[in-house]
Amino acid sequence: MRKKVLKGIIPIFILFLSNVACANSIATLPNGKKVEVIKAIKMYFTESDPAFIFKYETKIEVNGDNRKELIQEAEEVWPIFYPIAEVSDLNQAIIQANNTSKSLLSVSTSKTFGVMFRKNQNGKWVRTTKI
């Protein structure tokens, strides 16, 4: 009984910490590169299961020509996001690169690119977004 209660509380606690600690902070990737974390949230969809989303600011221009580079960067981000995704009790996770630019009139535009990871039947997370 106690293990069931803890299993339910720990993911909620970690999700709370991830939203507090991650939002608007700088994360250092295993390779030493730094990324600005925008948010880490659970998102619900009408046509599929919910997913845990880790949104960060990238220095790579988000466009179709940079797809391979953006996927490679998502693979670099995955190790810091994986522990949060693992305890979320979800089977889908999205790493979303965000590229924001501001014009002279202080109007900002944002482009995003998401890389999907899914938990397979063996419980292993695999990237499903193809290069």
Protein backbone atom coordinates (compact mmCIF):
# COMPACT_ATOMS: atom_id res chain seq x y z
CA MET A 1 0.00 0.00 0.00
CA ARG A 2 2.75 2.45 0.97
CA LYS A 3 4.63 1.78 -2.30
CA LYS A 4 1.46 2.58 -4.30
CA VAL A 5 1.00 5.86 -2.48
CA LEU A 6 4.66 6.80 -2.95
CA LYS A 7 4.52 5.81 -6.62
CA GLY A 8 1.64 8.26 -7.06
CA ILE A 9 3.20 11.07 -5.04
CA ILE A 10 6.75 10.97 -6.40
CA PRO A 11 5.82 11.76 -10.05
CA ILE A 12 3.62 14.65 -8.93
CA PHE A 13 6.41 16.00 -6.72
CA ILE A 14 8.97 15.70 -9.52
CA LEU A 15 6.60 17.30 -12.04
CA PHE A 16 6.12 20.16 -9.58
CA LEU A 17 9.87 20.52 -9.15
CA SER A 18 10.47 20.37 -12.89
CA ASN A 19 8.02 23.19 -13.54
CA VAL A 20 9.46 25.31 -10.74
CA ALA A 21 13.14 24.52 -11.23
CA CYS A 22 13.18 24.27 -15.01
CA ALA A 23 11.04 27.17 -16.17
CA ASN A 24 13.12 30.12 -17.33
CA SER A 25 16.41 28.59 -16.25
CA ILE A 26 19.60 27.49 -17.96
CA ALA A 27 20.27 23.76 -18.28
CA THR A 28 23.72 22.37 -18.97
CA LEU A 29 23.72 19.41 -21.34
CA PRO A 30 26.11 16.46 -20.87
CA ASN A 31 28.33 17.88 -23.65
CA GLY A 32 28.66 21.21 -21.76
CA LYS A 33 26.33 23.14 -24.08
CA LYS A 34 23.78 25.35 -22.30
CA VAL A 35 20.12 25.77 -23.26
CA GLU A 36 17.45 28.07 -21.84
CA VAL A 37 14.52 26.05 -20.52
CA ILE A 38 11.15 27.63 -21.24
CA LYS A 39 8.90 25.08 -19.53
CA ALA A 40 8.27 21.42 -18.79
CA ILE A 41 4.59 20.49 -18.78
CA LYS A 42 2.14 17.65 -19.27
CA MET A 43 -0.03 18.24 -22.33
CA TYR A 44 -3.31 16.57 -23.24
CA PHE A 45 -4.42 15.87 -26.81
CA THR A 46 -7.85 15.04 -28.22
CA GLU A 47 -6.61 12.41 -30.69
CA SER A 48 -3.84 10.69 -28.71
CA ASP A 49 -2.45 10.00 -25.26
CA PRO A 50 -1.02 12.86 -23.20
CA ALA A 51 2.67 13.68 -23.48
CA PHE A 52 5.23 15.37 -21.31
CA ILE A 53 6.75 18.34 -23.14
CA PHE A 54 10.12 19.91 -22.51
CA LYS A 55 10.32 23.26 -24.31
CA TYR A 56 13.63 25.10 -24.66
CA GLU A 57 15.15 27.98 -26.63
CA THR A 58 17.51 26.93 -29.40
CA LYS A 59 20.14 28.93 -31.24
CA ILE A 60 19.52 26.83 -34.36
CA GLU A 61 17.18 28.49 -36.84
CA VAL A 62 13.97 26.48 -36.92
CA ASN A 63 13.18 25.66 -40.54
CA GLY A 64 12.92 22.61 -42.78
CA ASP A 65 16.56 22.85 -43.83
CA ASN A 66 17.79 22.36 -40.26
CA ARG A 67 15.67 19.32 -39.38
CA LYS A 68 18.66 16.97 -38.94
CA GLU A 69 20.52 19.47 -36.74
CA LEU A 70 17.42 20.07 -34.60
CA ILE A 71 16.90 16.32 -34.10
CA GLN A 72 20.56 15.94 -33.12
CA GLU A 73 20.17 18.73 -30.58
CA ALA A 74 17.05 17.03 -29.18
CA GLU A 75 19.14 13.88 -28.71
CA GLU A 76 21.62 16.00 -26.71
CA VAL A 77 18.78 17.46 -24.58
CA TRP A 78 17.16 14.04 -23.95
CA PRO A 79 19.53 12.95 -21.10
CA ILE A 80 18.49 15.89 -18.90
CA PHE A 81 14.81 15.49 -19.75
CA TYR A 82 14.64 11.69 -19.61
CA PRO A 83 14.45 11.32 -15.79
CA ILE A 84 11.45 13.65 -15.65
CA ALA A 85 9.74 11.85 -18.54
CA GLU A 86 10.46 8.47 -16.95
CA VAL A 87 8.60 9.23 -13.71
CA SER A 88 5.70 11.00 -15.41
CA ASP A 89 3.85 7.69 -15.98
CA LEU A 90 3.31 8.72 -19.61
CA ASN A 91 4.29 6.87 -22.76
CA GLN A 92 5.03 9.94 -24.90
CA ALA A 93 7.49 12.79 -24.49
CA ILE A 94 8.26 15.71 -26.78
CA ILE A 95 11.38 17.82 -26.82
CA GLN A 96 10.39 21.10 -28.42
CA ALA A 97 13.01 23.50 -29.76
CA ASN A 98 11.82 27.09 -29.80
CA ASN A 99 13.38 29.88 -31.84
CA THR A 100 12.19 33.38 -30.91
CA SER A 101 13.07 36.53 -32.81
CA LYS A 102 12.09 40.13 -32.13
CA SER A 103 11.57 42.86 -34.68
CA LEU A 104 12.33 46.56 -34.34
CA LEU A 105 8.79 47.15 -33.10
CA SER A 106 9.29 44.69 -30.20
CA VAL A 107 7.01 42.18 -31.88
CA SER A 108 8.27 38.67 -31.32
CA THR A 109 7.72 35.66 -33.51
CA SER A 110 8.36 32.10 -32.49
CA LYS A 111 9.00 28.95 -34.50
CA THR A 112 9.00 25.50 -32.92
CA PHE A 113 10.17 22.03 -33.86
CA GLY A 114 9.22 18.97 -31.81
CA VAL A 115 10.94 15.63 -31.53
CA MET A 116 8.77 12.79 -30.25
CA PHE A 117 9.95 9.98 -28.00
CA ARG A 118 7.72 7.02 -27.12
CA LYS A 119 8.05 4.23 -24.64
CA ASN A 120 8.01 0.87 -26.45
CA GLN A 121 6.58 -2.45 -25.21
CA ASN A 122 9.85 -3.20 -23.38
CA GLY A 123 9.63 0.08 -21.45
CA LYS A 124 12.51 1.66 -23.39
CA TRP A 125 12.22 5.22 -24.70
CA VAL A 126 12.85 5.53 -28.46
CA ARG A 127 12.86 8.55 -30.73
CA THR A 128 10.05 8.25 -33.27
CA THR A 129 10.74 11.46 -35.21
CA LYS A 130 12.68 10.50 -38.31
CA ILE A 131 15.60 12.46 -39.74
